[in-house]
């Protein structure tokens, strides 16, 4: 659906935004995207960074500008290798959702056997990064069992991903997944002792930041006698549990008002995955009042 504008019709900015993210994951800077479109730098950067009413970025874009941005191709701009961090994370996240490598190959435009090689490479072509990013945008919220993947394969792949500690899509932010220094946010509180307890309660693979935080907590409380230490640990666990109960209740309330789960998670300051897990672990009690 388009909206009339004095300088041309306005359309949904999401396709152009996804394309910009894919180009960035292939090593194309915002400046290069703007130059090759050509459109103003502010138009491209606004798709990613300008704060908006819901998803955090511009919601509309002029049709002509969208066409120009979508016409930019990574293979025409990037000729060398790029950092593989974002590509590795996207493939690992899809496997955490149950997508086997053999099924991912056709979606990426690669021979299925090459997917495993990409996961091991220390640098990759920008065009490969762009292809993986585009496939990730299409598949991150798709159930592979609805695309011909058997239940047995689905469980096996998820088990492999869990054994390696690979984070699912809900733990990654689209704006930081390509940053080699970024970390997955499994719990909404990773890097704290509360995050450590959330990992344990939700039976999530333990992330290094939460393990480090918990070890620091233990070191800070090492002077306590065993009985006092056990009470402190019980309080820490109980506090994490109660906060999760409150989070689940707040999430259900927002959803009852028609707020999409992505926006509800953003308002509550947690990841989509954390909010969904909290609501699963703490279903609504019979006496909880929800909006009509």
Protein backbone atom coordinates (compact mmCIF):
# COMPACT_ATOMS: atom_id res chain seq x y z
CA UNK A 1 0.00 0.00 0.00
CA UNK A 2 1.38 3.42 -0.97
CA UNK A 3 0.83 6.90 0.46
CA UNK A 4 0.82 10.01 -1.71
CA UNK A 5 3.55 12.55 -1.06
CA UNK A 6 4.38 15.87 -2.79
CA UNK A 7 7.70 14.38 -3.97
CA UNK A 8 6.28 10.99 -4.90
CA UNK A 9 4.45 8.09 -3.25
CA UNK A 10 5.67 6.71 0.10
CA UNK A 11 5.88 2.96 0.62
CA UNK A 12 6.83 0.55 3.39
CA UNK A 13 10.56 0.95 4.11
CA UNK A 14 11.12 -2.64 5.30
CA UNK A 15 12.26 -4.18 1.95
CA UNK A 16 14.78 -1.37 1.43
CA UNK A 17 15.94 -1.64 5.06
CA UNK A 18 16.56 -5.38 4.74
CA UNK A 19 18.46 -4.84 1.51
CA UNK A 20 20.67 -2.22 3.17
CA UNK A 21 21.40 -4.63 6.03
CA UNK A 22 22.30 -7.36 3.55
CA UNK A 23 24.64 -5.01 1.71
CA UNK A 24 26.24 -3.94 4.99
CA UNK A 25 26.76 -7.57 5.97
CA UNK A 26 28.61 -7.99 2.64
CA UNK A 27 30.95 -5.16 3.58
CA UNK A 28 29.25 -2.29 1.75
CA UNK A 29 29.28 0.89 3.83
CA UNK A 30 26.29 3.24 4.04
CA UNK A 31 28.34 5.84 2.16
CA UNK A 32 28.98 3.40 -0.72
CA UNK A 33 25.30 2.39 -0.80
CA UNK A 34 24.23 6.04 -1.02
CA UNK A 35 26.80 6.74 -3.75
CA UNK A 36 25.79 3.75 -5.85
CA UNK A 37 22.01 4.26 -5.51
CA UNK A 38 22.40 7.29 -5.78
CA UNK A 39 20.42 8.78 -2.92
CA UNK A 40 21.23 11.02 0.02
CA UNK A 41 23.34 9.57 2.82
CA UNK A 42 20.65 10.57 5.36
CA UNK A 43 18.06 8.48 3.52
CA UNK A 44 20.12 5.29 3.78
CA UNK A 45 21.31 5.87 7.34
CA UNK A 46 17.74 6.71 8.37
CA UNK A 47 16.64 3.22 7.37
CA UNK A 48 18.99 1.73 9.95
CA UNK A 49 19.55 4.28 12.70
CA UNK A 50 16.73 6.86 12.84
CA UNK A 51 14.45 6.23 15.79
CA UNK A 52 10.88 5.55 14.76
CA UNK A 53 7.56 4.75 16.49
CA UNK A 54 7.76 0.96 16.41
CA UNK A 55 10.71 -0.95 15.03
CA UNK A 56 13.14 1.84 15.76
CA UNK A 57 13.77 3.05 12.18
CA UNK A 58 12.05 4.99 9.42
CA UNK A 59 8.73 3.36 8.49
CA UNK A 60 8.20 4.91 5.03
CA UNK A 61 10.43 5.75 2.08
CA UNK A 62 9.84 7.37 -1.30
CA UNK A 63 9.17 4.79 -3.99
CA UNK A 64 11.91 6.11 -6.28
CA UNK A 65 14.50 6.06 -3.49
CA UNK A 66 13.51 2.49 -2.59
CA UNK A 67 13.92 1.40 -6.21
CA UNK A 68 17.37 2.96 -6.39
CA UNK A 69 18.51 1.33 -3.15
CA UNK A 70 17.14 -2.08 -4.13
CA UNK A 71 19.02 -1.83 -7.44
CA UNK A 72 22.39 -1.74 -5.66
CA UNK A 73 24.09 -5.13 -5.86
CA UNK A 74 26.91 -6.28 -3.62
CA UNK A 75 28.71 -7.97 -6.52
CA UNK A 76 28.94 -4.61 -8.28
CA UNK A 77 30.41 -2.87 -5.23
CA UNK A 78 32.32 -5.46 -3.20
CA UNK A 79 35.09 -7.34 -4.96
CA UNK A 80 37.06 -8.75 -2.03
CA UNK A 81 36.69 -10.61 1.22
CA UNK A 82 34.82 -9.49 4.35
CA UNK A 83 34.77 -10.48 8.02
CA UNK A 84 32.73 -13.70 8.35
CA UNK A 85 31.37 -13.08 11.88
CA UNK A 86 27.85 -12.11 10.82
CA UNK A 87 27.66 -14.87 8.23
CA UNK A 88 28.74 -17.51 10.73
CA UNK A 89 26.23 -16.25 13.29
CA UNK A 90 23.35 -16.28 10.81
CA UNK A 91 24.07 -19.84 9.71
CA UNK A 92 24.49 -20.99 13.30
CA UNK A 93 21.25 -19.26 14.33
CA UNK A 94 19.32 -20.98 11.55
CA UNK A 95 20.77 -24.32 12.65
CA UNK A 96 19.73 -23.50 16.23
CA UNK A 97 16.21 -23.23 14.79
CA UNK A 98 16.55 -26.70 13.25
CA UNK A 99 17.66 -25.90 9.68
CA UNK A 100 20.14 -28.56 8.45
CA UNK A 101 23.05 -27.46 6.27
CA UNK A 102 21.85 -29.56 3.34
CA UNK A 103 18.59 -27.58 3.30
CA UNK A 104 20.30 -24.21 3.68
CA UNK A 105 22.52 -24.60 0.60
CA UNK A 106 19.76 -24.09 -2.00
CA UNK A 107 18.38 -21.07 -0.13
CA UNK A 108 21.82 -19.44 -0.19
CA UNK A 109 22.68 -20.44 -3.74
CA UNK A 110 25.55 -22.68 -2.64
CA UNK A 111 26.24 -26.37 -2.97
CA UNK A 112 24.95 -27.90 0.30
CA UNK A 113 28.39 -29.30 1.14
CA UNK A 114 29.87 -25.80 0.95
CA UNK A 115 27.78 -24.48 3.85
CA UNK A 116 29.96 -26.33 6.34
CA UNK A 117 33.07 -24.91 4.64
CA UNK A 118 31.70 -21.37 5.00
CA UNK A 119 31.30 -21.93 8.75
CA UNK A 120 35.03 -22.71 8.99
CA UNK A 121 36.38 -19.90 6.81
CA UNK A 122 38.20 -16.95 8.38
CA UNK A 123 37.18 -14.66 5.52
CA UNK A 124 34.49 -14.93 2.86
CA UNK A 125 33.43 -13.16 -0.31
CA UNK A 126 31.11 -10.23 0.23
CA UNK A 127 28.64 -11.76 -2.23
CA UNK A 128 28.45 -14.92 -0.09
CA UNK A 129 27.81 -12.80 3.01
CA UNK A 130 25.00 -10.98 1.18
CA UNK A 131 23.43 -14.26 0.04
CA UNK A 132 23.49 -15.70 3.56
CA UNK A 133 22.02 -12.49 5.00
CA UNK A 134 19.18 -12.55 2.46
CA UNK A 135 18.42 -16.21 3.24
CA UNK A 136 18.49 -15.46 6.97
CA UNK A 137 15.94 -12.67 6.55
CA UNK A 138 13.62 -15.13 4.79
CA UNK A 139 14.10 -18.13 7.08
CA UNK A 140 14.77 -16.92 10.63
CA UNK A 141 11.10 -17.20 11.65
CA UNK A 142 10.21 -20.19 9.44
CA UNK A 143 9.72 -23.67 10.90
CA UNK A 144 11.95 -26.03 8.87
CA UNK A 145 9.51 -28.87 9.56
CA UNK A 146 7.04 -27.00 7.37
CA UNK A 147 9.62 -27.09 4.55
CA UNK A 148 10.24 -30.83 4.36
CA UNK A 149 12.72 -31.27 7.22
CA UNK A 150 11.89 -34.40 9.19
CA UNK A 151 11.30 -34.26 12.94
CA UNK A 152 14.32 -36.45 13.55
CA UNK A 153 16.64 -34.23 11.52
CA UNK A 154 15.16 -31.11 13.12
CA UNK A 155 15.91 -32.41 16.62
CA UNK A 156 19.37 -33.62 15.65
CA UNK A 157 20.40 -30.26 14.15
CA UNK A 158 19.07 -28.35 17.15
CA UNK A 159 21.04 -30.70 19.40
CA UNK A 160 24.25 -30.03 17.46
CA UNK A 161 23.68 -26.27 17.70
CA UNK A 162 22.99 -26.52 21.41
CA UNK A 163 26.15 -28.58 21.99
CA UNK A 164 28.17 -25.85 20.28
CA UNK A 165 26.38 -23.06 22.18
CA UNK A 166 25.12 -21.40 19.00
CA UNK A 167 22.63 -18.62 19.69
CA UNK A 168 19.19 -18.57 17.99
CA UNK A 169 17.95 -15.59 15.94
CA UNK A 170 16.13 -14.11 18.94
CA UNK A 171 19.44 -13.60 20.74
CA UNK A 172 20.89 -11.41 17.98
CA UNK A 173 20.15 -7.77 17.14
CA UNK A 174 20.02 -7.06 13.40
CA UNK A 175 22.08 -3.92 13.90
CA UNK A 176 24.96 -5.65 15.70
CA UNK A 177 25.05 -9.21 14.37
CA UNK A 178 27.85 -8.29 11.94
CA UNK A 179 29.96 -6.63 14.65
CA UNK A 180 32.76 -9.08 15.56
CA UNK A 181 32.80 -7.64 19.10
CA UNK A 182 29.06 -8.07 19.70
CA UNK A 183 27.64 -10.79 21.95
CA UNK A 184 24.33 -12.70 21.77
CA UNK A 185 21.73 -11.65 24.30
CA UNK A 186 20.21 -14.96 25.40
CA UNK A 187 18.35 -13.80 28.49
CA UNK A 188 17.91 -10.04 28.39
CA UNK A 189 20.41 -9.85 31.28
CA UNK A 190 23.49 -11.59 29.93
CA UNK A 191 26.68 -10.55 31.64
CA UNK A 192 25.07 -10.55 35.09
CA UNK A 193 24.42 -13.13 37.80
CA UNK A 194 20.72 -12.74 37.09
CA UNK A 195 21.45 -13.77 33.52
CA UNK A 196 23.27 -16.85 34.82
CA UNK A 197 20.21 -17.94 36.81
CA UNK A 198 17.98 -17.31 33.78
CA UNK A 199 20.21 -19.58 31.69
CA UNK A 200 19.90 -22.28 34.33
CA UNK A 201 16.13 -21.96 34.80
CA UNK A 202 15.41 -21.91 31.06
CA UNK A 203 17.99 -24.65 30.39
CA UNK A 204 19.75 -22.48 27.83
CA UNK A 205 23.37 -23.05 26.81
CA UNK A 206 25.47 -21.01 29.23
CA UNK A 207 27.11 -18.00 27.61
CA UNK A 208 30.66 -17.00 28.66
CA UNK A 209 29.58 -13.57 29.92
CA UNK A 210 27.05 -15.02 32.36
CA UNK A 211 29.48 -17.70 33.51
CA UNK A 212 32.06 -14.99 34.21
CA UNK A 213 29.48 -12.88 36.05
CA UNK A 214 28.46 -15.80 38.25
CA UNK A 215 32.05 -16.66 39.08
CA UNK A 216 32.56 -13.03 40.09
CA UNK A 217 29.45 -13.22 42.28
CA UNK A 218 30.85 -16.31 43.98
CA UNK A 219 34.22 -14.63 44.49
CA UNK A 220 32.54 -11.53 45.97
CA UNK A 221 30.64 -13.75 48.43
CA UNK A 222 33.48 -16.16 49.20
CA UNK A 223 33.98 -14.63 52.66
CA UNK A 224 30.55 -15.85 53.80
CA UNK A 225 30.10 -19.06 55.74
CA UNK A 226 28.36 -21.89 53.89
CA UNK A 227 24.96 -21.32 55.47
CA UNK A 228 24.92 -17.58 54.72
CA UNK A 229 26.24 -18.22 51.21
CA UNK A 230 23.45 -20.69 50.52
CA UNK A 231 20.85 -18.17 51.67
CA UNK A 232 22.36 -15.51 49.39
CA UNK A 233 22.28 -17.91 46.45
CA UNK A 234 18.66 -18.81 47.18
CA UNK A 235 17.72 -15.11 47.24
CA UNK A 236 19.51 -14.50 43.93
CA UNK A 237 17.69 -17.42 42.33
CA UNK A 238 14.33 -16.38 43.76
CA UNK A 239 14.75 -12.79 42.60
CA UNK A 240 15.56 -13.93 39.07
CA UNK A 241 12.52 -16.22 39.11
CA UNK A 242 10.12 -13.54 40.39
CA UNK A 243 11.33 -11.02 37.82
CA UNK A 244 10.67 -13.59 35.12
CA UNK A 245 7.12 -14.11 36.43
CA UNK A 246 6.56 -10.34 36.29
CA UNK A 247 8.05 -10.20 32.79
CA UNK A 248 5.69 -12.94 31.58
CA UNK A 249 2.68 -11.11 33.05
CA UNK A 250 3.74 -7.80 31.48
CA UNK A 251 4.30 -9.52 28.14
CA UNK A 252 0.86 -11.12 28.16
CA UNK A 253 -0.73 -7.78 28.98
CA UNK A 254 0.95 -6.06 26.03
CA UNK A 255 0.01 -8.90 23.69
CA UNK A 256 -3.60 -8.69 24.87
CA UNK A 257 -3.66 -5.09 23.60
CA UNK A 258 -2.52 -6.24 20.17
CA UNK A 259 1.14 -5.27 20.53
CA UNK A 260 3.30 -7.61 18.37
CA UNK A 261 5.70 -9.78 20.33
CA UNK A 262 8.77 -8.04 18.81
CA UNK A 263 7.54 -4.65 19.99
CA UNK A 264 6.49 -6.03 23.38
CA UNK A 265 9.99 -7.42 23.93
CA UNK A 266 11.54 -4.09 22.90
CA UNK A 267 9.33 -2.15 25.34
CA UNK A 268 10.20 -4.52 28.16
CA UNK A 269 13.91 -4.33 27.40
CA UNK A 270 14.44 -8.04 26.62
CA UNK A 271 14.88 -10.17 23.53
CA UNK A 272 11.94 -11.76 21.75
CA UNK A 273 13.30 -15.19 22.66
CA UNK A 274 13.56 -14.31 26.36
CA UNK A 275 10.00 -12.96 26.49
CA UNK A 276 8.54 -15.98 24.74
CA UNK A 277 10.42 -18.38 26.99
CA UNK A 278 9.31 -16.48 30.09
CA UNK A 279 5.65 -16.72 29.04
CA UNK A 280 6.03 -20.45 28.33
CA UNK A 281 7.63 -21.09 31.72
CA UNK A 282 5.09 -18.94 33.57
CA UNK A 283 1.62 -19.31 31.99
CA UNK A 284 -1.20 -17.08 33.09
CA UNK A 285 -2.76 -18.12 36.42
CA UNK A 286 -6.49 -18.68 36.47
CA UNK A 287 -7.14 -15.44 38.35
CA UNK A 288 -4.99 -13.20 36.14
CA UNK A 289 -7.09 -10.43 34.57
CA UNK A 290 -6.34 -9.62 30.95
CA UNK A 291 -7.64 -6.88 28.69
CA UNK A 292 -10.70 -7.65 26.66
